[in-house]
């Protein structure tokens, strides 16, 4: 597995991270047994992945902990906690945790992960309106947790499906409080490359790329539906591609690049992206994703076309249309 520098942490980590959330949740969403999901975690480690991400709301912390038993000191575990008592649909609930409640919640995260420290603790899905509360109430609790040896690095994640223009991260990336941020980025919505990544690079903040591949980019038909929607919104110019087959150029000139592979390669080789996240409940699918993440950059003409077609998109995250 390719190794990358991880911001100002001084660590070398794998270029890929196994995510235990998303639609699959290591296969738990689709009825996998705990043993089958644990096997995916172990396979990821065997492939050279050294960063593993989960969250309180995913219900997969015990699986990640079990899968990494015996190799805990060789990996980074990232987990996340929601900063409101009730995680409302929009993610902007007003019943926020206190600092003391955050500290108590971390004790539960440690228990579920079967570990005595968390490498990266993220506040999960923070909105722009919530950010000042984070600074005033929750950052002091983070500092206490680090001083107690229970958390190594501080992280924050955005709700990219709602905050597609990165309003929260544009502020957070200017603060040297955060060691790591989780940023939504893909070839469909490239705004982070201009709005967030220059700031994270300047401040030495490590980046975990989420949304590299979402349901709306799973195949040509679903991608076409998203693109038609973006044409209607005036965010892309239909004269820049074949509207009947908008991503057909991935198959031109003897190429046969699947959309998912193109998406992973596009993100992996974007300056400022440190780690690309991938999630699945199947070992063979994991191997395919890792091969894509480790593949060379896309052909220059393909990358240029993706950047040119989608350069003005800011309203979509890559999730499929309802």
Protein backbone atom coordinates (compact mmCIF):
# COMPACT_ATOMS: atom_id res chain seq x y z
CA UNK A 1 0.00 0.00 0.00
CA UNK A 2 1.25 3.45 -0.90
CA UNK A 3 2.19 5.58 2.12
CA UNK A 4 1.53 9.31 2.44
CA UNK A 5 2.43 12.08 4.85
CA UNK A 6 -0.48 12.83 7.16
CA UNK A 7 -0.46 16.57 7.66
CA UNK A 8 1.54 17.93 10.57
CA UNK A 9 1.01 14.73 12.62
CA UNK A 10 4.40 13.50 11.42
CA UNK A 11 2.89 10.12 10.60
CA UNK A 12 3.12 8.03 7.45
CA UNK A 13 -0.19 6.32 6.70
CA UNK A 14 -1.83 4.34 3.92
CA UNK A 15 -3.28 6.26 0.98
CA UNK A 16 -6.57 4.42 1.54
CA UNK A 17 -8.81 4.33 4.59
CA UNK A 18 -11.44 1.68 5.24
CA UNK A 19 -14.69 3.40 6.15
CA UNK A 20 -17.12 1.44 8.30
CA UNK A 21 -20.11 3.63 7.50
CA UNK A 22 -21.76 4.64 4.25
CA UNK A 23 -24.61 2.61 2.80
CA UNK A 24 -22.89 -0.72 3.48
CA UNK A 25 -21.54 -0.30 7.03
CA UNK A 26 -19.09 -3.17 6.32
CA UNK A 27 -22.03 -5.20 5.03
CA UNK A 28 -24.16 -4.82 8.15
CA UNK A 29 -26.83 -2.94 6.21
CA UNK A 30 -27.25 -5.94 3.92
CA UNK A 31 -27.37 -8.64 6.58
CA UNK A 32 -23.71 -9.62 6.93
CA UNK A 33 -22.77 -11.36 10.14
CA UNK A 34 -20.35 -9.72 12.54
CA UNK A 35 -17.76 -12.34 11.54
CA UNK A 36 -18.13 -11.48 7.85
CA UNK A 37 -17.69 -7.77 8.55
CA UNK A 38 -14.70 -8.44 10.80
CA UNK A 39 -13.17 -10.39 7.90
CA UNK A 40 -13.38 -7.24 5.74
CA UNK A 41 -11.51 -5.25 8.40
CA UNK A 42 -8.82 -7.92 8.61
CA UNK A 43 -8.53 -8.10 4.82
CA UNK A 44 -8.05 -4.33 4.70
CA UNK A 45 -5.17 -4.57 7.15
CA UNK A 46 -3.64 -7.42 5.13
CA UNK A 47 -3.83 -5.20 2.04
CA UNK A 48 -1.78 -2.56 3.84
CA UNK A 49 -4.51 -0.20 4.99
CA UNK A 50 -3.52 1.43 8.27
CA UNK A 51 -6.39 3.91 8.79
CA UNK A 52 -9.85 2.74 9.82
CA UNK A 53 -12.84 5.04 10.24
CA UNK A 54 -16.07 4.38 12.09
CA UNK A 55 -18.58 6.38 14.14
CA UNK A 56 -20.99 6.10 17.03
CA UNK A 57 -24.02 6.27 14.72
CA UNK A 58 -22.75 3.55 12.35
CA UNK A 59 -22.93 0.81 14.97
CA UNK A 60 -19.67 -0.69 13.67
CA UNK A 61 -17.20 0.35 16.38
CA UNK A 62 -17.20 -3.13 18.00
CA UNK A 63 -16.55 -4.71 14.60
CA UNK A 64 -13.61 -2.42 13.89
CA UNK A 65 -12.20 -3.04 17.36
CA UNK A 66 -12.50 -6.81 16.96
CA UNK A 67 -11.00 -6.76 13.47
CA UNK A 68 -7.93 -4.88 14.67
CA UNK A 69 -7.30 -6.95 17.78
CA UNK A 70 -3.62 -7.78 17.96
CA UNK A 71 -2.54 -4.99 15.58
CA UNK A 72 -3.88 -1.98 17.47
CA UNK A 73 -0.48 -0.32 17.76
CA UNK A 74 0.08 -0.57 14.00
CA UNK A 75 -3.03 1.32 12.86
CA UNK A 76 -4.92 4.57 13.29
CA UNK A 77 -8.52 4.35 14.44
CA UNK A 78 -10.75 7.27 13.57
CA UNK A 79 -14.19 7.54 15.14
CA UNK A 80 -16.79 10.25 15.31
CA UNK A 81 -19.39 11.52 17.73
CA UNK A 82 -22.42 13.65 16.87
CA UNK A 83 -22.43 16.93 18.79
CA UNK A 84 -26.19 17.05 19.38
CA UNK A 85 -28.29 14.80 21.59
CA UNK A 86 -30.65 14.04 18.73
CA UNK A 87 -29.10 13.79 15.30
CA UNK A 88 -31.84 15.53 13.36
CA UNK A 89 -32.22 14.95 9.64
CA UNK A 90 -30.65 18.27 8.70
CA UNK A 91 -27.83 17.81 11.19
CA UNK A 92 -28.34 21.22 12.74
CA UNK A 93 -30.05 20.34 16.01
CA UNK A 94 -29.85 22.88 18.80
CA UNK A 95 -29.59 20.47 21.74
CA UNK A 96 -25.80 20.28 21.79
CA UNK A 97 -23.63 18.13 24.02
CA UNK A 98 -21.77 19.84 26.82
CA UNK A 99 -18.05 19.37 27.15
CA UNK A 100 -18.56 16.96 30.06
CA UNK A 101 -21.03 14.94 28.00
CA UNK A 102 -18.53 14.73 25.16
CA UNK A 103 -15.93 13.36 27.54
CA UNK A 104 -18.43 10.78 28.82
CA UNK A 105 -19.32 9.85 25.24
CA UNK A 106 -15.66 9.18 24.47
CA UNK A 107 -15.57 6.66 27.30
CA UNK A 108 -18.34 4.79 25.48
CA UNK A 109 -16.42 4.99 22.20
CA UNK A 110 -13.36 3.47 23.93
CA UNK A 111 -15.43 0.66 25.36
CA UNK A 112 -17.03 -0.19 22.03
CA UNK A 113 -13.69 -0.13 20.24
CA UNK A 114 -11.98 -2.23 22.92
CA UNK A 115 -9.12 0.24 23.17
CA UNK A 116 -7.78 2.72 25.69
CA UNK A 117 -7.13 5.53 23.22
CA UNK A 118 -8.57 6.94 20.00
CA UNK A 119 -6.15 8.15 17.35
CA UNK A 120 -8.53 10.61 15.68
CA UNK A 121 -11.72 11.81 17.33
CA UNK A 122 -13.99 13.73 14.99
CA UNK A 123 -17.00 15.85 15.72
CA UNK A 124 -19.42 14.37 13.21
CA UNK A 125 -21.27 16.49 10.65
CA UNK A 126 -20.75 19.95 12.13
CA UNK A 127 -22.72 22.76 10.51
CA UNK A 128 -21.51 26.32 10.01
CA UNK A 129 -23.97 27.60 12.61
CA UNK A 130 -22.64 25.13 15.18
CA UNK A 131 -18.98 25.93 14.74
CA UNK A 132 -18.68 28.73 17.30
CA UNK A 133 -20.23 26.46 19.95
CA UNK A 134 -17.63 23.84 19.06
CA UNK A 135 -14.85 26.32 19.73
CA UNK A 136 -16.31 27.63 22.96
CA UNK A 137 -17.61 24.45 24.59
CA UNK A 138 -16.20 21.33 22.96
CA UNK A 139 -12.62 22.17 22.04
CA UNK A 140 -11.72 22.57 25.76
CA UNK A 141 -13.10 19.06 26.29
CA UNK A 142 -10.96 17.78 23.41
CA UNK A 143 -7.91 19.27 25.09
CA UNK A 144 -8.74 17.50 28.35
CA UNK A 145 -9.10 14.22 26.48
CA UNK A 146 -5.74 14.65 24.82
CA UNK A 147 -4.08 15.54 28.11
CA UNK A 148 -5.56 12.36 29.60
CA UNK A 149 -4.07 10.28 26.77
CA UNK A 150 -7.48 9.20 25.46
CA UNK A 151 -7.38 11.10 22.15
CA UNK A 152 -4.31 11.76 20.03
CA UNK A 153 -5.62 14.02 17.25
CA UNK A 154 -8.60 16.33 16.82
CA UNK A 155 -10.85 16.09 13.78
CA UNK A 156 -14.03 17.60 12.37
CA UNK A 157 -16.27 16.41 9.54
CA UNK A 158 -18.74 18.31 7.39
CA UNK A 159 -22.23 17.34 6.23
CA UNK A 160 -21.36 17.48 2.57
CA UNK A 161 -24.82 16.36 1.43
CA UNK A 162 -26.14 19.63 2.91
CA UNK A 163 -23.10 21.89 3.05
CA UNK A 164 -22.00 21.35 -0.55
CA UNK A 165 -20.07 24.64 -0.58
CA UNK A 166 -18.06 23.81 2.59
CA UNK A 167 -19.13 26.81 4.65
CA UNK A 168 -18.10 25.14 7.91
CA UNK A 169 -14.79 23.75 6.68
CA UNK A 170 -13.78 27.03 5.08
CA UNK A 171 -13.71 28.38 8.61
CA UNK A 172 -12.34 25.32 10.38
CA UNK A 173 -9.46 24.92 7.92
CA UNK A 174 -8.17 28.32 8.98
CA UNK A 175 -7.87 27.18 12.60
CA UNK A 176 -4.84 25.23 13.70
CA UNK A 177 -6.98 23.49 16.31
CA UNK A 178 -7.73 20.63 13.94
CA UNK A 179 -5.21 17.98 13.08
CA UNK A 180 -7.53 16.26 10.58
CA UNK A 181 -10.62 17.20 8.59
CA UNK A 182 -12.96 14.97 6.63
CA UNK A 183 -13.93 16.71 3.41
CA UNK A 184 -16.44 15.87 0.73
CA UNK A 185 -14.84 15.84 -2.71
CA UNK A 186 -15.28 14.09 -6.05
CA UNK A 187 -15.06 14.90 -9.75
CA UNK A 188 -18.71 16.00 -9.73
CA UNK A 189 -18.25 18.63 -7.01
CA UNK A 190 -14.69 19.92 -7.04
CA UNK A 191 -15.24 23.03 -4.90
CA UNK A 192 -13.03 21.79 -2.06
CA UNK A 193 -9.99 21.96 -4.34
CA UNK A 194 -10.32 25.74 -4.47
CA UNK A 195 -12.09 26.51 -1.19
CA UNK A 196 -10.68 24.08 1.40
CA UNK A 197 -7.55 22.23 0.30
CA UNK A 198 -5.31 25.30 -0.07
CA UNK A 199 -6.13 26.16 3.55
CA UNK A 200 -5.50 22.66 4.89
CA UNK A 201 -2.17 22.51 3.08
CA UNK A 202 -1.15 25.91 4.40
CA UNK A 203 -1.99 24.94 7.98
CA UNK A 204 -0.69 21.36 7.89
CA UNK A 205 -4.14 19.83 8.42
CA UNK A 206 -4.46 16.24 7.23
CA UNK A 207 -7.38 15.40 4.94
CA UNK A 208 -9.60 12.37 4.67
CA UNK A 209 -11.54 12.43 1.39
CA UNK A 210 -15.12 11.19 1.67
CA UNK A 211 -17.71 11.00 -1.12
CA UNK A 212 -15.12 9.96 -3.70
CA UNK A 213 -17.69 7.45 -4.96
CA UNK A 214 -21.36 7.85 -4.09
CA UNK A 215 -24.51 6.21 -5.40
CA UNK A 216 -25.03 8.90 -8.00
CA UNK A 217 -21.68 8.03 -9.53
CA UNK A 218 -22.13 4.27 -9.39
CA UNK A 219 -22.92 3.79 -13.08
CA UNK A 220 -23.48 5.71 -16.30
CA UNK A 221 -27.27 5.82 -16.00
CA UNK A 222 -27.33 7.31 -12.50
CA UNK A 223 -24.54 9.70 -13.41
CA UNK A 224 -26.57 10.83 -16.43
CA UNK A 225 -29.54 11.63 -14.19
CA UNK A 226 -27.34 13.79 -11.97
CA UNK A 227 -25.83 15.52 -14.98
CA UNK A 228 -29.27 16.25 -16.46
CA UNK A 229 -30.23 17.83 -13.13
CA UNK A 230 -27.09 19.96 -13.17
CA UNK A 231 -27.81 21.09 -16.72
CA UNK A 232 -31.26 22.21 -15.56
CA UNK A 233 -29.62 24.13 -12.69
CA UNK A 234 -27.28 25.86 -15.12
CA UNK A 235 -24.16 24.47 -13.41
CA UNK A 236 -22.76 22.59 -16.38
CA UNK A 237 -22.72 23.32 -20.10
CA UNK A 238 -24.27 20.52 -22.19
CA UNK A 239 -22.11 21.57 -25.14
CA UNK A 240 -18.99 20.25 -23.37
CA UNK A 241 -19.97 16.56 -23.71
CA UNK A 242 -22.25 14.06 -25.43
CA UNK A 243 -25.52 14.46 -23.55
CA UNK A 244 -26.63 10.94 -24.45
CA UNK A 245 -23.43 9.47 -22.99
CA UNK A 246 -21.87 12.23 -20.86
CA UNK A 247 -19.04 10.13 -19.44
CA UNK A 248 -18.51 8.07 -22.55
CA UNK A 249 -15.05 9.56 -22.99
CA UNK A 250 -13.93 7.20 -20.19
CA UNK A 251 -14.26 4.47 -22.82
CA UNK A 252 -12.65 6.27 -25.77
CA UNK A 253 -9.25 5.75 -27.41
CA UNK A 254 -8.95 2.17 -26.27
CA UNK A 255 -9.72 3.07 -22.65
CA UNK A 256 -12.22 1.21 -20.48
CA UNK A 257 -12.16 3.08 -17.17
CA UNK A 258 -15.14 2.28 -14.91
CA UNK A 259 -16.73 5.35 -13.30
CA UNK A 260 -15.83 4.23 -9.79
CA UNK A 261 -12.19 3.73 -10.75
CA UNK A 262 -12.07 7.14 -12.43
CA UNK A 263 -13.58 8.70 -9.31
CA UNK A 264 -11.03 7.14 -6.96
CA UNK A 265 -8.08 8.05 -9.21
CA UNK A 266 -9.34 11.61 -9.64
CA UNK A 267 -9.49 12.14 -5.86
CA UNK A 268 -6.31 10.27 -5.00
CA UNK A 269 -4.15 12.47 -7.21
CA UNK A 270 -5.69 15.83 -6.29
CA UNK A 271 -3.10 17.98 -4.45
CA UNK A 272 -4.15 18.36 -0.84
CA UNK A 273 -6.01 15.05 -0.58
CA UNK A 274 -4.04 12.79 1.76
CA UNK A 275 -6.25 9.73 2.20
CA UNK A 276 -9.17 8.47 0.12
CA UNK A 277 -11.88 6.63 2.00
CA UNK A 278 -13.53 3.49 0.68
CA UNK A 279 -16.27 1.37 2.16
CA UNK A 280 -17.69 -2.05 1.33
CA UNK A 281 -18.93 -5.25 2.88
CA UNK A 282 -17.15 -7.56 0.44
CA UNK A 283 -13.47 -8.44 0.37
CA UNK A 284 -13.21 -8.68 -3.42
CA UNK A 285 -14.87 -5.29 -3.82
CA UNK A 286 -12.40 -3.90 -1.31
CA UNK A 287 -9.51 -5.25 -3.38
CA UNK A 288 -10.94 -3.59 -6.51
CA UNK A 289 -11.27 -0.27 -4.72
CA UNK A 290 -7.73 -0.44 -3.38
CA UNK A 291 -6.40 -1.18 -6.87
CA UNK A 292 -8.18 1.93 -8.11
CA UNK A 293 -6.82 4.10 -5.31
CA UNK A 294 -3.30 2.85 -5.95
CA UNK A 295 -3.56 3.30 -9.72
CA UNK A 296 -1.67 6.09 -11.52
CA UNK A 297 -3.29 9.44 -12.26
CA UNK A 298 -5.96 9.46 -14.94
CA UNK A 299 -4.81 10.21 -18.48
CA UNK A 300 -4.30 13.95 -18.70
CA UNK A 301 -7.04 14.47 -21.28
CA UNK A 302 -9.57 12.55 -19.14
CA UNK A 303 -8.77 14.52 -16.01
CA UNK A 304 -8.89 17.78 -17.93
CA UNK A 305 -12.34 16.96 -19.32
CA UNK A 306 -13.68 16.03 -15.88
CA UNK A 307 -12.38 19.29 -14.45
CA UNK A 308 -13.74 21.35 -17.33
CA UNK A 309 -17.21 19.77 -17.40
CA UNK A 310 -17.85 19.96 -13.65
CA UNK A 311 -15.83 23.02 -12.65
CA UNK A 312 -18.90 25.12 -11.76
CA UNK A 313 -20.86 22.49 -9.83
CA UNK A 314 -21.55 23.37 -6.22
CA UNK A 315 -25.06 22.11 -5.44
CA UNK A 316 -24.60 18.33 -5.63
CA UNK A 317 -22.58 15.97 -3.46
CA UNK A 318 -22.72 12.85 -5.62
CA UNK A 319 -25.61 11.26 -3.78
CA UNK A 320 -28.19 9.79 -6.16
CA UNK A 321 -31.30 11.80 -6.94
CA UNK A 322 -34.38 10.69 -5.02
